[in-house]
C-alpha atoms as a PDB file:
ATOM      1  CA  MET A   1     -20.179 -20.557 -14.303  1.00  0.00           C
ATOM      2  CA  ALA A   2     -18.253 -22.452 -11.601  1.00  0.00           C
ATOM      3  CA  ILE A   3     -15.153 -24.284 -12.806  1.00  0.00           C
ATOM      4  CA  LYS A   4     -12.831 -26.884 -11.350  1.00  0.00           C
ATOM      5  CA  PRO A   5      -9.460 -25.194 -10.715  1.00  0.00           C
ATOM      6  CA  GLN A   6      -6.318 -26.663 -12.290  1.00  0.00           C
ATOM      7  CA  PRO A   7      -3.817 -28.172  -9.760  1.00  0.00           C
ATOM      8  CA  TRP A   8      -1.800 -24.985  -9.136  1.00  0.00           C
ATOM      9  CA  LYS A   9      -4.994 -22.928  -9.104  1.00  0.00           C
ATOM     10  CA  GLU A  10      -6.435 -25.276  -6.499  1.00  0.00           C
ATOM     11  CA  THR A  11      -3.321 -24.759  -4.353  1.00  0.00           C
ATOM     12  CA  LEU A  12      -3.732 -20.976  -4.597  1.00  0.00           C
ATOM     13  CA  PHE A  13      -7.458 -21.214  -3.905  1.00  0.00           C
ATOM     14  CA  GLN A  14      -6.845 -23.335  -0.798  1.00  0.00           C
ATOM     15  CA  GLU A  15      -4.177 -20.914   0.423  1.00  0.00           C
ATOM     16  CA  ILE A  16      -6.703 -18.078   0.197  1.00  0.00           C
ATOM     17  CA  LEU A  17      -9.202 -20.094   2.256  1.00  0.00           C
ATOM     18  CA  LEU A  18      -6.511 -20.767   4.900  1.00  0.00           C
ATOM     19  CA  SER A  19      -5.516 -17.101   4.840  1.00  0.00           C
ATOM     20  CA  GLU A  20      -9.065 -16.046   5.623  1.00  0.00           C
ATOM     21  CA  LYS A  21      -9.056 -18.190   8.772  1.00  0.00           C
ATOM     22  CA  ARG A  22      -5.636 -16.914   9.883  1.00  0.00           C
ATOM     23  CA  ILE A  23      -6.166 -13.193   9.471  1.00  0.00           C
ATOM     24  CA  ARG A  24      -9.884 -12.560   9.969  1.00  0.00           C
ATOM     25  CA  GLY A  25      -9.457 -11.515  13.606  1.00  0.00           C
ATOM     26  CA  HIS A  26      -6.681  -9.058  12.755  1.00  0.00           C
ATOM     27  CA  ILE A  27      -7.972  -7.137   9.736  1.00  0.00           C
ATOM     28  CA  ARG A  28     -10.982  -5.039   8.775  1.00  0.00           C
ATOM     29  CA  GLU A  29     -13.601  -6.171   6.258  1.00  0.00           C
ATOM     30  CA  THR A  30     -13.643  -3.122   4.033  1.00  0.00           C
ATOM     31  CA  PRO A  31     -16.865  -1.911   2.386  1.00  0.00           C
ATOM     32  CA  ALA A  32     -17.768  -2.274  -1.279  1.00  0.00           C
ATOM     33  CA  GLU A  33     -19.372   1.140  -1.703  1.00  0.00           C
ATOM     34  CA  TYR A  34     -21.833   1.703  -4.544  1.00  0.00           C
ATOM     35  CA  SER A  35     -20.823   4.722  -6.648  1.00  0.00           C
ATOM     36  CA  ALA A  36     -23.964   6.493  -7.846  1.00  0.00           C
ATOM     37  CA  TYR A  37     -21.832   8.998  -9.757  1.00  0.00           C
ATOM     38  CA  LEU A  38     -19.676   6.528 -11.691  1.00  0.00           C
ATOM     39  CA  SER A  39     -22.641   4.212 -12.250  1.00  0.00           C
ATOM     40  CA  GLN A  40     -24.705   6.959 -13.829  1.00  0.00           C
ATOM     41  CA  LEU A  41     -21.737   8.195 -15.852  1.00  0.00           C
ATOM     42  CA  GLY A  42     -20.952   4.756 -17.266  1.00  0.00           C
ATOM     43  CA  GLN A  43     -24.546   3.462 -17.478  1.00  0.00           C
ATOM     44  CA  CYS A  44     -23.602   0.473 -15.344  1.00  0.00           C
ATOM     45  CA  ARG A  45     -23.249  -0.484 -11.660  1.00  0.00           C
ATOM     46  CA  VAL A  46     -19.926   0.481 -10.087  1.00  0.00           C
ATOM     47  CA  TYR A  47     -18.675  -0.532  -6.636  1.00  0.00           C
ATOM     48  CA  LEU A  48     -15.572   0.822  -4.917  1.00  0.00           C
ATOM     49  CA  LYS A  49     -13.787  -1.780  -2.780  1.00  0.00           C
ATOM     50  CA  CYS A  50     -12.369   0.551  -0.129  1.00  0.00           C
ATOM     51  CA  GLU A  51      -9.030  -0.928   0.910  1.00  0.00           C
ATOM     52  CA  ASN A  52      -8.016   2.661   1.600  1.00  0.00           C
ATOM     53  CA  LEU A  53     -10.064   2.138   4.786  1.00  0.00           C
ATOM     54  CA  GLN A  54      -8.116  -0.973   5.779  1.00  0.00           C
ATOM     55  CA  LEU A  55      -6.052  -0.848   8.996  1.00  0.00           C
ATOM     56  CA  THR A  56      -2.664   0.804   8.168  1.00  0.00           C
ATOM     57  CA  GLY A  57      -4.336   2.407   5.128  1.00  0.00           C
ATOM     58  CA  SER A  58      -3.895  -0.265   2.453  1.00  0.00           C
ATOM     59  CA  PHE A  59      -4.593  -3.840   1.349  1.00  0.00           C
ATOM     60  CA  LYS A  60      -1.002  -4.796   2.180  1.00  0.00           C
ATOM     61  CA  LEU A  61      -1.953  -5.638   5.775  1.00  0.00           C
ATOM     62  CA  ARG A  62      -3.707  -8.799   4.606  1.00  0.00           C
ATOM     63  CA  GLY A  63      -0.645 -10.373   3.035  1.00  0.00           C
ATOM     64  CA  ALA A  64       1.850  -9.254   5.677  1.00  0.00           C
ATOM     65  CA  VAL A  65      -0.238 -10.550   8.585  1.00  0.00           C
ATOM     66  CA  ASN A  66      -0.935 -13.809   6.786  1.00  0.00           C
ATOM     67  CA  LYS A  67       2.750 -14.433   6.043  1.00  0.00           C
ATOM     68  CA  ILE A  68       3.875 -13.664   9.583  1.00  0.00           C
ATOM     69  CA  LEU A  69       1.162 -15.843  11.147  1.00  0.00           C
ATOM     70  CA  SER A  70       2.190 -18.726   8.863  1.00  0.00           C
ATOM     71  CA  LEU A  71       5.787 -18.710  10.191  1.00  0.00           C
ATOM     72  CA  SER A  72       7.120 -21.142  12.770  1.00  0.00           C
ATOM     73  CA  GLU A  73       8.178 -19.794  16.170  1.00  0.00           C
ATOM     74  CA  GLU A  74      11.820 -20.333  15.199  1.00  0.00           C
ATOM     75  CA  GLU A  75      11.364 -18.297  12.003  1.00  0.00           C
ATOM     76  CA  LYS A  76       9.693 -15.466  13.932  1.00  0.00           C
ATOM     77  CA  ASN A  77      12.227 -15.371  16.756  1.00  0.00           C
ATOM     78  CA  ARG A  78      15.316 -15.079  14.547  1.00  0.00           C
ATOM     79  CA  GLY A  79      14.095 -11.597  13.489  1.00  0.00           C
ATOM     80  CA  LEU A  80      12.272 -10.407  10.373  1.00  0.00           C
ATOM     81  CA  MET A  81      13.215  -8.211   7.420  1.00  0.00           C
ATOM     82  CA  THR A  82      11.276  -6.820   4.480  1.00  0.00           C
ATOM     83  CA  ALA A  83      11.572  -4.269   1.670  1.00  0.00           C
ATOM     84  CA  SER A  84       8.832  -1.825   0.725  1.00  0.00           C
ATOM     85  CA  SER A  85       8.068   1.522  -0.877  1.00  0.00           C
ATOM     86  CA  GLY A  86       5.759   2.200   2.058  1.00  0.00           C
ATOM     87  CA  ASN A  87       2.426   0.385   2.342  1.00  0.00           C
ATOM     88  CA  HIS A  88       3.835  -3.118   2.804  1.00  0.00           C
ATOM     89  CA  GLY A  89       6.316  -1.631   5.257  1.00  0.00           C
ATOM     90  CA  ALA A  90       3.499  -0.056   7.271  1.00  0.00           C
ATOM     91  CA  ALA A  91       1.638  -3.365   7.354  1.00  0.00           C
ATOM     92  CA  PHE A  92       4.823  -5.196   8.360  1.00  0.00           C
ATOM     93  CA  SER A  93       5.503  -2.674  11.155  1.00  0.00           C
ATOM     94  CA  TRP A  94       1.933  -2.909  12.430  1.00  0.00           C
ATOM     95  CA  ALA A  95       2.190  -6.707  12.541  1.00  0.00           C
ATOM     96  CA  LEU A  96       5.513  -6.580  14.397  1.00  0.00           C
ATOM     97  CA  LYS A  97       3.987  -4.416  17.100  1.00  0.00           C
ATOM     98  CA  ARG A  98       0.796  -6.474  17.341  1.00  0.00           C
ATOM     99  CA  PHE A  99       2.608  -9.802  17.665  1.00  0.00           C
ATOM    100  CA  GLY A 100       5.582  -8.564  19.712  1.00  0.00           C
ATOM    101  CA  LEU A 101       8.247  -9.269  17.086  1.00  0.00           C
ATOM    102  CA  GLU A 102      11.406  -7.491  15.902  1.00  0.00           C
ATOM    103  CA  GLY A 103      12.168  -6.513  12.323  1.00  0.00           C
ATOM    104  CA  THR A 104      13.771  -4.129   9.833  1.00  0.00           C
ATOM    105  CA  ILE A 105      12.448  -2.495   6.652  1.00  0.00           C
ATOM    106  CA  VAL A 106      14.500  -1.596   3.571  1.00  0.00           C
ATOM    107  CA  LEU A 107      13.055   1.403   1.728  1.00  0.00           C
ATOM    108  CA  PRO A 108      14.014   2.902  -1.647  1.00  0.00           C
ATOM    109  CA  GLU A 109      15.628   6.333  -1.329  1.00  0.00           C
ATOM    110  CA  ILE A 110      12.645   7.856  -3.197  1.00  0.00           C
ATOM    111  CA  THR A 111      10.029   6.768  -0.624  1.00  0.00           C
ATOM    112  CA  ALA A 112       7.523   9.554   0.147  1.00  0.00           C
ATOM    113  CA  GLN A 113       8.064  11.178   3.540  1.00  0.00           C
ATOM    114  CA  THR A 114       4.428  10.663   4.543  1.00  0.00           C
ATOM    115  CA  LYS A 115       4.963   6.898   4.309  1.00  0.00           C
ATOM    116  CA  ILE A 116       8.243   7.045   6.234  1.00  0.00           C
ATOM    117  CA  ASP A 117       6.540   9.037   9.002  1.00  0.00           C
ATOM    118  CA  THR A 118       3.896   6.322   9.331  1.00  0.00           C
ATOM    119  CA  LEU A 119       6.558   3.613   9.675  1.00  0.00           C
ATOM    120  CA  LEU A 120       8.355   5.596  12.355  1.00  0.00           C
ATOM    121  CA  LEU A 121       5.124   5.835  14.353  1.00  0.00           C
ATOM    122  CA  TYR A 122       5.154   2.044  14.684  1.00  0.00           C
ATOM    123  CA  GLY A 123       8.781   2.136  15.831  1.00  0.00           C
ATOM    124  CA  ALA A 124      10.187   0.308  12.829  1.00  0.00           C
ATOM    125  CA  ASP A 125      13.909   0.023  12.118  1.00  0.00           C
ATOM    126  CA  ILE A 126      14.535   1.494   8.661  1.00  0.00           C
ATOM    127  CA  ILE A 127      17.348   1.142   6.122  1.00  0.00           C
ATOM    128  CA  LYS A 128      17.335   3.126   2.863  1.00  0.00           C
ATOM    129  CA  HIS A 129      18.823   1.565  -0.252  1.00  0.00           C
ATOM    130  CA  GLY A 130      18.466   1.943  -4.020  1.00  0.00           C
ATOM    131  CA  ASP A 131      16.467   4.087  -6.408  1.00  0.00           C
ATOM    132  CA  ASP A 132      13.403   1.846  -6.699  1.00  0.00           C
ATOM    133  CA  CYS A 133      11.584  -1.046  -5.059  1.00  0.00           C
ATOM    134  CA  ILE A 134      13.371  -3.806  -6.975  1.00  0.00           C
ATOM    135  CA  GLU A 135      16.792  -2.607  -5.768  1.00  0.00           C
ATOM    136  CA  ALA A 136      15.483  -2.420  -2.207  1.00  0.00           C
ATOM    137  CA  GLU A 137      14.051  -5.932  -2.497  1.00  0.00           C
ATOM    138  CA  ARG A 138      17.323  -7.412  -3.771  1.00  0.00           C
ATOM    139  CA  PHE A 139      19.255  -5.720  -0.990  1.00  0.00           C
ATOM    140  CA  GLY A 140      16.693  -6.819   1.614  1.00  0.00           C
ATOM    141  CA  ARG A 141      16.852 -10.479   0.574  1.00  0.00           C
ATOM    142  CA  LYS A 142      20.668 -10.527   0.561  1.00  0.00           C
ATOM    143  CA  THR A 143      20.912  -8.745   3.914  1.00  0.00           C
ATOM    144  CA  ALA A 144      18.383 -11.088   5.516  1.00  0.00           C
ATOM    145  CA  GLU A 145      20.358 -14.079   4.256  1.00  0.00           C
ATOM    146  CA  LYS A 146      23.633 -12.687   5.605  1.00  0.00           C
ATOM    147  CA  ARG A 147      22.155 -11.902   9.021  1.00  0.00           C
ATOM    148  CA  GLY A 148      20.112 -15.089   9.297  1.00  0.00           C
ATOM    149  CA  LEU A 149      16.814 -13.181   9.378  1.00  0.00           C
ATOM    150  CA  THR A 150      13.445 -14.299   7.981  1.00  0.00           C
ATOM    151  CA  TYR A 151      12.562 -12.303   4.875  1.00  0.00           C
ATOM    152  CA  ILE A 152       8.937 -11.219   4.313  1.00  0.00           C
ATOM    153  CA  PRO A 153       8.440 -10.463   0.578  1.00  0.00           C
ATOM    154  CA  PRO A 154       6.092  -7.633  -0.478  1.00  0.00           C
ATOM    155  CA  TYR A 155       4.406  -9.767  -3.183  1.00  0.00           C
ATOM    156  CA  ASN A 156       6.520 -12.746  -4.339  1.00  0.00           C
ATOM    157  CA  ASP A 157       5.204 -15.333  -1.893  1.00  0.00           C
ATOM    158  CA  PRO A 158       2.211 -17.742  -1.720  1.00  0.00           C
ATOM    159  CA  GLN A 159       1.070 -16.532   1.710  1.00  0.00           C
ATOM    160  CA  ILE A 160       1.316 -12.873   0.685  1.00  0.00           C
ATOM    161  CA  ILE A 161      -0.804 -13.576  -2.406  1.00  0.00           C
ATOM    162  CA  GLY A 162      -3.182 -15.687  -0.319  1.00  0.00           C
ATOM    163  CA  GLY A 163      -3.720 -12.828   2.120  1.00  0.00           C
ATOM    164  CA  GLN A 164      -4.506 -10.381  -0.685  1.00  0.00           C
ATOM    165  CA  GLY A 165      -6.906 -12.951  -2.153  1.00  0.00           C
ATOM    166  CA  THR A 166      -9.187 -12.583   0.880  1.00  0.00           C
ATOM    167  CA  ILE A 167     -10.420  -9.393  -0.805  1.00  0.00           C
ATOM    168  CA  GLY A 168     -12.043 -11.680  -3.377  1.00  0.00           C
ATOM    169  CA  MET A 169     -13.802 -13.616  -0.624  1.00  0.00           C
ATOM    170  CA  GLU A 170     -15.237 -10.404   0.793  1.00  0.00           C
ATOM    171  CA  LEU A 171     -16.348  -9.207  -2.634  1.00  0.00           C
ATOM    172  CA  ALA A 172     -18.175 -12.485  -3.257  1.00  0.00           C
ATOM    173  CA  ARG A 173     -20.215 -11.782  -0.120  1.00  0.00           C
ATOM    174  CA  GLN A 174     -20.723  -8.080  -0.788  1.00  0.00           C
ATOM    175  CA  VAL A 175     -21.448  -7.961  -4.534  1.00  0.00           C
ATOM    176  CA  PRO A 176     -23.207 -11.202  -5.558  1.00  0.00           C
ATOM    177  CA  GLN A 177     -22.986 -10.573  -9.322  1.00  0.00           C
ATOM    178  CA  ILE A 178     -19.649  -9.269 -10.643  1.00  0.00           C
ATOM    179  CA  ASP A 179     -18.720  -8.957 -14.308  1.00  0.00           C
ATOM    180  CA  CYS A 180     -15.421  -7.041 -14.136  1.00  0.00           C
ATOM    181  CA  ILE A 181     -12.822  -6.204 -11.478  1.00  0.00           C
ATOM    182  CA  LEU A 182     -10.254  -3.470 -12.136  1.00  0.00           C
ATOM    183  CA  VAL A 183      -7.110  -3.797  -9.999  1.00  0.00           C
ATOM    184  CA  PRO A 184      -3.960  -1.674  -9.534  1.00  0.00           C
ATOM    185  CA  VAL A 185      -0.804  -3.622 -10.435  1.00  0.00           C
ATOM    186  CA  GLY A 186       2.768  -3.242  -9.225  1.00  0.00           C
ATOM    187  CA  GLY A 187       4.465  -6.526  -8.379  1.00  0.00           C
ATOM    188  CA  GLY A 188       1.222  -8.385  -8.985  1.00  0.00           C
ATOM    189  CA  GLY A 189       0.406  -9.782  -5.531  1.00  0.00           C
ATOM    190  CA  LEU A 190      -2.958  -8.034  -5.268  1.00  0.00           C
ATOM    191  CA  ILE A 191      -4.274  -8.941  -8.713  1.00  0.00           C
ATOM    192  CA  ALA A 192      -2.884 -12.497  -8.454  1.00  0.00           C
ATOM    193  CA  GLY A 193      -4.746 -13.075  -5.182  1.00  0.00           C
ATOM    194  CA  ILE A 194      -8.034 -11.565  -6.352  1.00  0.00           C
ATOM    195  CA  ALA A 195      -7.867 -13.376  -9.702  1.00  0.00           C
ATOM    196  CA  GLY A 196      -6.912 -16.640  -8.000  1.00  0.00           C
ATOM    197  CA  TYR A 197     -10.076 -16.593  -5.919  1.00  0.00           C
ATOM    198  CA  MET A 198     -12.559 -15.046  -8.339  1.00  0.00           C
ATOM    199  CA  LYS A 199     -11.563 -17.105 -11.396  1.00  0.00           C
ATOM    200  CA  SER A 200     -11.826 -20.282  -9.324  1.00  0.00           C
ATOM    201  CA  LYS A 201     -15.431 -19.347  -8.561  1.00  0.00           C
ATOM    202  CA  ASN A 202     -16.381 -17.980 -11.975  1.00  0.00           C
ATOM    203  CA  GLU A 203     -14.086 -18.077 -15.013  1.00  0.00           C
ATOM    204  CA  ASN A 204     -16.212 -15.483 -16.833  1.00  0.00           C
ATOM    205  CA  ILE A 205     -15.324 -12.633 -14.460  1.00  0.00           C
ATOM    206  CA  GLN A 206     -13.004 -10.219 -16.281  1.00  0.00           C
ATOM    207  CA  ILE A 207      -9.864  -9.310 -14.298  1.00  0.00           C
ATOM    208  CA  ILE A 208      -8.279  -6.125 -15.640  1.00  0.00           C
ATOM    209  CA  GLY A 209      -4.917  -4.774 -14.485  1.00  0.00           C
ATOM    210  CA  CYS A 210      -4.304  -1.029 -14.263  1.00  0.00           C
ATOM    211  CA  GLN A 211      -0.863   0.588 -14.449  1.00  0.00           C
ATOM    212  CA  PRO A 212       0.623   4.026 -15.131  1.00  0.00           C
ATOM    213  CA  GLU A 213       2.227   4.427 -18.539  1.00  0.00           C
ATOM    214  CA  ASN A 214       5.334   5.710 -16.762  1.00  0.00           C
ATOM    215  CA  SER A 215       5.837   2.416 -14.893  1.00  0.00           C
ATOM    216  CA  ALA A 216       4.079  -0.505 -16.574  1.00  0.00           C
ATOM    217  CA  VAL A 217       6.675  -3.244 -16.043  1.00  0.00           C
ATOM    218  CA  MET A 218       4.177  -6.065 -15.545  1.00  0.00           C
ATOM    219  CA  TYR A 219       2.196  -5.118 -18.654  1.00  0.00           C
ATOM    220  CA  HIS A 220       5.259  -4.952 -20.900  1.00  0.00           C
ATOM    221  CA  SER A 221       6.678  -8.139 -19.378  1.00  0.00           C
ATOM    222  CA  LEU A 222       3.474 -10.075 -20.019  1.00  0.00           C
ATOM    223  CA  LYS A 223       3.415  -8.753 -23.560  1.00  0.00           C
ATOM    224  CA  ALA A 224       7.020  -9.919 -24.069  1.00  0.00           C
ATOM    225  CA  GLY A 225       6.413 -13.293 -22.403  1.00  0.00           C
ATOM    226  CA  LYS A 226       9.222 -12.748 -19.880  1.00  0.00           C
ATOM    227  CA  ILE A 227      10.031 -10.431 -17.001  1.00  0.00           C
ATOM    228  CA  LEU A 228      11.766  -7.327 -18.326  1.00  0.00           C
ATOM    229  CA  ASP A 229      14.213  -5.040 -16.547  1.00  0.00           C
ATOM    230  CA  LEU A 230      12.763  -1.640 -17.454  1.00  0.00           C
ATOM    231  CA  GLU A 231      13.437   1.860 -16.209  1.00  0.00           C
ATOM    232  CA  SER A 232      10.423   3.631 -14.701  1.00  0.00           C
ATOM    233  CA  GLU A 233       9.612   7.295 -15.172  1.00  0.00           C
ATOM    234  CA  PRO A 234       8.323   9.379 -12.226  1.00  0.00           C
ATOM    235  CA  THR A 235       4.634   8.782 -11.505  1.00  0.00           C
ATOM    236  CA  ILE A 236       2.076   9.905  -8.970  1.00  0.00           C
ATOM    237  CA  SER A 237       1.239   6.202  -8.686  1.00  0.00           C
ATOM    238  CA  ASP A 238       4.353   5.568  -6.582  1.00  0.00           C
ATOM    239  CA  GLY A 239       2.765   2.625  -4.759  1.00  0.00           C
ATOM    240  CA  SER A 240       2.728   0.588  -7.970  1.00  0.00           C
ATOM    241  CA  ALA A 241       5.970   1.874  -9.490  1.00  0.00           C
ATOM    242  CA  GLY A 242       9.237   0.039 -10.110  1.00  0.00           C
ATOM    243  CA  GLY A 243      10.459  -3.307 -11.351  1.00  0.00           C
ATOM    244  CA  ILE A 244       9.485  -6.868 -10.450  1.00  0.00           C
ATOM    245  CA  GLU A 245      11.629  -9.777  -9.284  1.00  0.00           C
ATOM    246  CA  GLN A 246      12.796 -12.130 -12.026  1.00  0.00           C
ATOM    247  CA  ASP A 247      11.445 -15.265 -10.343  1.00  0.00           C
ATOM    248  CA  THR A 248       8.190 -13.836  -9.030  1.00  0.00           C
ATOM    249  CA  ILE A 249       5.346 -16.340  -8.817  1.00  0.00           C
ATOM    250  CA  THR A 250       2.889 -13.561  -9.610  1.00  0.00           C
ATOM    251  CA  PHE A 251       4.027 -13.514 -13.246  1.00  0.00           C
ATOM    252  CA  PRO A 252       2.637 -16.921 -14.366  1.00  0.00           C
ATOM    253  CA  ILE A 253      -0.563 -16.253 -12.415  1.00  0.00           C
ATOM    254  CA  CYS A 254      -1.037 -12.960 -14.253  1.00  0.00           C
ATOM    255  CA  GLN A 255      -0.186 -14.671 -17.560  1.00  0.00           C
ATOM    256  CA  GLU A 256      -3.057 -17.101 -17.122  1.00  0.00           C
ATOM    257  CA  LEU A 257      -5.671 -15.246 -15.103  1.00  0.00           C
ATOM    258  CA  VAL A 258      -5.467 -11.535 -16.001  1.00  0.00           C
ATOM    259  CA  ASP A 259      -7.645 -10.788 -19.030  1.00  0.00           C
ATOM    260  CA  ASP A 260      -6.445  -7.319 -20.003  1.00  0.00           C
ATOM    261  CA  PHE A 261      -4.525  -4.216 -18.969  1.00  0.00           C
ATOM    262  CA  ILE A 262      -5.361  -0.514 -19.206  1.00  0.00           C
ATOM    263  CA  LEU A 263      -2.475   1.957 -19.017  1.00  0.00           C
ATOM    264  CA  LEU A 264      -2.957   5.491 -17.712  1.00  0.00           C
ATOM    265  CA  THR A 265      -1.241   8.832 -18.260  1.00  0.00           C
ATOM    266  CA  GLU A 266      -0.348  11.063 -15.314  1.00  0.00           C
ATOM    267  CA  VAL A 267      -3.085  13.501 -16.350  1.00  0.00           C
ATOM    268  CA  GLU A 268      -5.675  10.700 -16.301  1.00  0.00           C
ATOM    269  CA  ILE A 269      -4.537   9.505 -12.868  1.00  0.00           C
ATOM    270  CA  ILE A 270      -4.676  13.007 -11.391  1.00  0.00           C
ATOM    271  CA  SER A 271      -8.121  13.589 -12.872  1.00  0.00           C
ATOM    272  CA  ALA A 272      -9.360  10.347 -11.276  1.00  0.00           C
ATOM    273  CA  LEU A 273      -7.872  11.372  -7.929  1.00  0.00           C
ATOM    274  CA  LYS A 274      -9.845  14.613  -8.079  1.00  0.00           C
ATOM    275  CA  THR A 275     -13.005  12.673  -8.972  1.00  0.00           C
ATOM    276  CA  VAL A 276     -12.704  10.424  -5.912  1.00  0.00           C
ATOM    277  CA  LEU A 277     -12.035  13.410  -3.663  1.00  0.00           C
ATOM    278  CA  GLU A 278     -14.910  15.456  -5.056  1.00  0.00           C
ATOM    279  CA  LYS A 279     -17.573  12.775  -5.554  1.00  0.00           C
ATOM    280  CA  HIS A 280     -16.754  10.329  -2.746  1.00  0.00           C
ATOM    281  CA  HIS A 281     -14.902  12.570  -0.274  1.00  0.00           C
ATOM    282  CA  MET A 282     -12.210   9.944   0.261  1.00  0.00           C
ATOM    283  CA  LEU A 283      -8.477  10.425   0.598  1.00  0.00           C
ATOM    284  CA  VAL A 284      -6.647   7.992  -1.695  1.00  0.00           C
ATOM    285  CA  GLU A 285      -3.159   7.652  -3.133  1.00  0.00           C
ATOM    286  CA  GLY A 286      -2.153   7.667  -6.779  1.00  0.00           C
ATOM    287  CA  SER A 287      -2.018   3.894  -7.242  1.00  0.00           C
ATOM    288  CA  ALA A 288      -5.449   3.522  -5.617  1.00  0.00           C
ATOM    289  CA  VAL A 289      -7.195   5.519  -8.325  1.00  0.00           C
ATOM    290  CA  LEU A 290      -5.712   3.629 -11.271  1.00  0.00           C
ATOM    291  CA  PRO A 291      -8.922   1.546 -11.581  1.00  0.00           C
ATOM    292  CA  VAL A 292     -11.058   4.703 -11.458  1.00  0.00           C
ATOM    293  CA  ALA A 293      -8.910   6.300 -14.159  1.00  0.00           C
ATOM    294  CA  ALA A 294      -9.124   3.120 -16.240  1.00  0.00           C
ATOM    295  CA  PHE A 295     -12.903   2.998 -15.876  1.00  0.00           C
ATOM    296  CA  LEU A 296     -13.246   6.638 -16.936  1.00  0.00           C
ATOM    297  CA  LYS A 297     -10.936   6.030 -19.900  1.00  0.00           C
ATOM    298  CA  ARG A 298     -12.802   2.955 -21.190  1.00  0.00           C
ATOM    299  CA  MET A 299     -16.346   3.568 -19.900  1.00  0.00           C
ATOM    300  CA  SER A 300     -18.160   2.303 -22.954  1.00  0.00           C
ATOM    301  CA  ARG A 301     -16.803  -1.233 -22.570  1.00  0.00           C
ATOM    302  CA  PHE A 302     -18.442  -1.518 -19.115  1.00  0.00           C
ATOM    303  CA  ARG A 303     -21.944  -0.350 -20.086  1.00  0.00           C
ATOM    304  CA  GLY A 304     -24.652  -2.464 -18.412  1.00  0.00           C
ATOM    305  CA  LYS A 305     -22.158  -4.447 -16.294  1.00  0.00           C
ATOM    306  CA  ASN A 306     -21.423  -4.854 -12.588  1.00  0.00           C
ATOM    307  CA  VAL A 307     -17.952  -3.399 -12.099  1.00  0.00           C
ATOM    308  CA  VAL A 308     -15.684  -3.403  -9.022  1.00  0.00           C
ATOM    309  CA  LEU A 309     -12.844  -0.880  -8.723  1.00  0.00           C
ATOM    310  CA  ILE A 310     -10.205  -1.712  -6.099  1.00  0.00           C
ATOM    311  CA  LEU A 311      -9.114   1.399  -4.158  1.00  0.00           C
ATOM    312  CA  SER A 312      -5.870  -0.028  -2.808  1.00  0.00           C
ATOM    313  CA  GLY A 313      -4.599   2.599  -0.348  1.00  0.00           C
ATOM    314  CA  SER A 314      -4.935   6.024   1.235  1.00  0.00           C
ATOM    315  CA  LYS A 315      -1.433   7.424   1.790  1.00  0.00           C
ATOM    316  CA  ILE A 316      -0.859  10.611  -0.175  1.00  0.00           C
ATOM    317  CA  SER A 317       1.348  13.457   0.995  1.00  0.00           C
ATOM    318  CA  LEU A 318      -0.035  16.928   1.676  1.00  0.00           C
ATOM    319  CA  GLU A 319       2.480  18.336  -0.797  1.00  0.00           C
ATOM    320  CA  THR A 320       1.201  16.061  -3.584  1.00  0.00           C
ATOM    321  CA  LEU A 321      -2.385  16.852  -2.669  1.00  0.00           C
ATOM    322  CA  LYS A 322      -1.665  20.597  -2.795  1.00  0.00           C
ATOM    323  CA  ASP A 323      -0.065  20.264  -6.220  1.00  0.00           C
ATOM    324  CA  ILE A 324      -3.065  18.304  -7.539  1.00  0.00           C
ATOM    325  CA  LEU A 325      -5.617  20.783  -6.233  1.00  0.00           C
END
């Protein structure tokens, strides 16, 4: 059932429409692949939205390109800075090279080497700081302010969220009838964008966030009604791990538009990773299989429905892959 968005929802919806026009010539429309295996297993219809096949290997390209293209020439020319655990950094670096700009990336000390190697391929300037993404983000913002650079947030920004929301526009074209969408959640930019578009088109679509038990800051924050400063345990879902900024605009969006969360153990995430490798022959990272793990964990609730699982990225190290296998 179509609904009329509330004022702030309308603003988000319009930003997603503008984002589509800005970035369409620079990104790939990724496939929504029907999963015969998962569909048969769950007695429903399951589609994998393959953002692991996006340019730079993750959905992050959408938001980064959209933000950079929305800047004024003065904002671009003063130099750019961002903070990222890897995928946003890769998207940022790719955009710098494509548009002939200069910039620097702040990475947490724990960033996987495979992601660092990708950034170096694009010729990015890299600074390492802090033990997790939230420390890197704080340092990045402060450093950008001191140096007079333009800061490009990984998720806490309307244009970043708008860019990620273009996934919803593609899904509306690719899968005409959708009942549930399962989305990996870290800082909340991806799920906020998808929910912002899909709920504006049909309020009955269920938007379900997926997080590892070892780092479920958004889930616990929503449950508490405020953003919490929580320690994260090690997780194979490193792309979604870490804290979230205290003033992030993704939080109120998730409060209103995300219907539920499913938390996953490390064993469940690894099992889902093996399933995607074996049944779909696709290389995906830990955070990308959170929706698959959540589907497998709660299959009975999806019986008879049209379900979309967002595979958010592809970057997994050979060492991690060896350990899993």
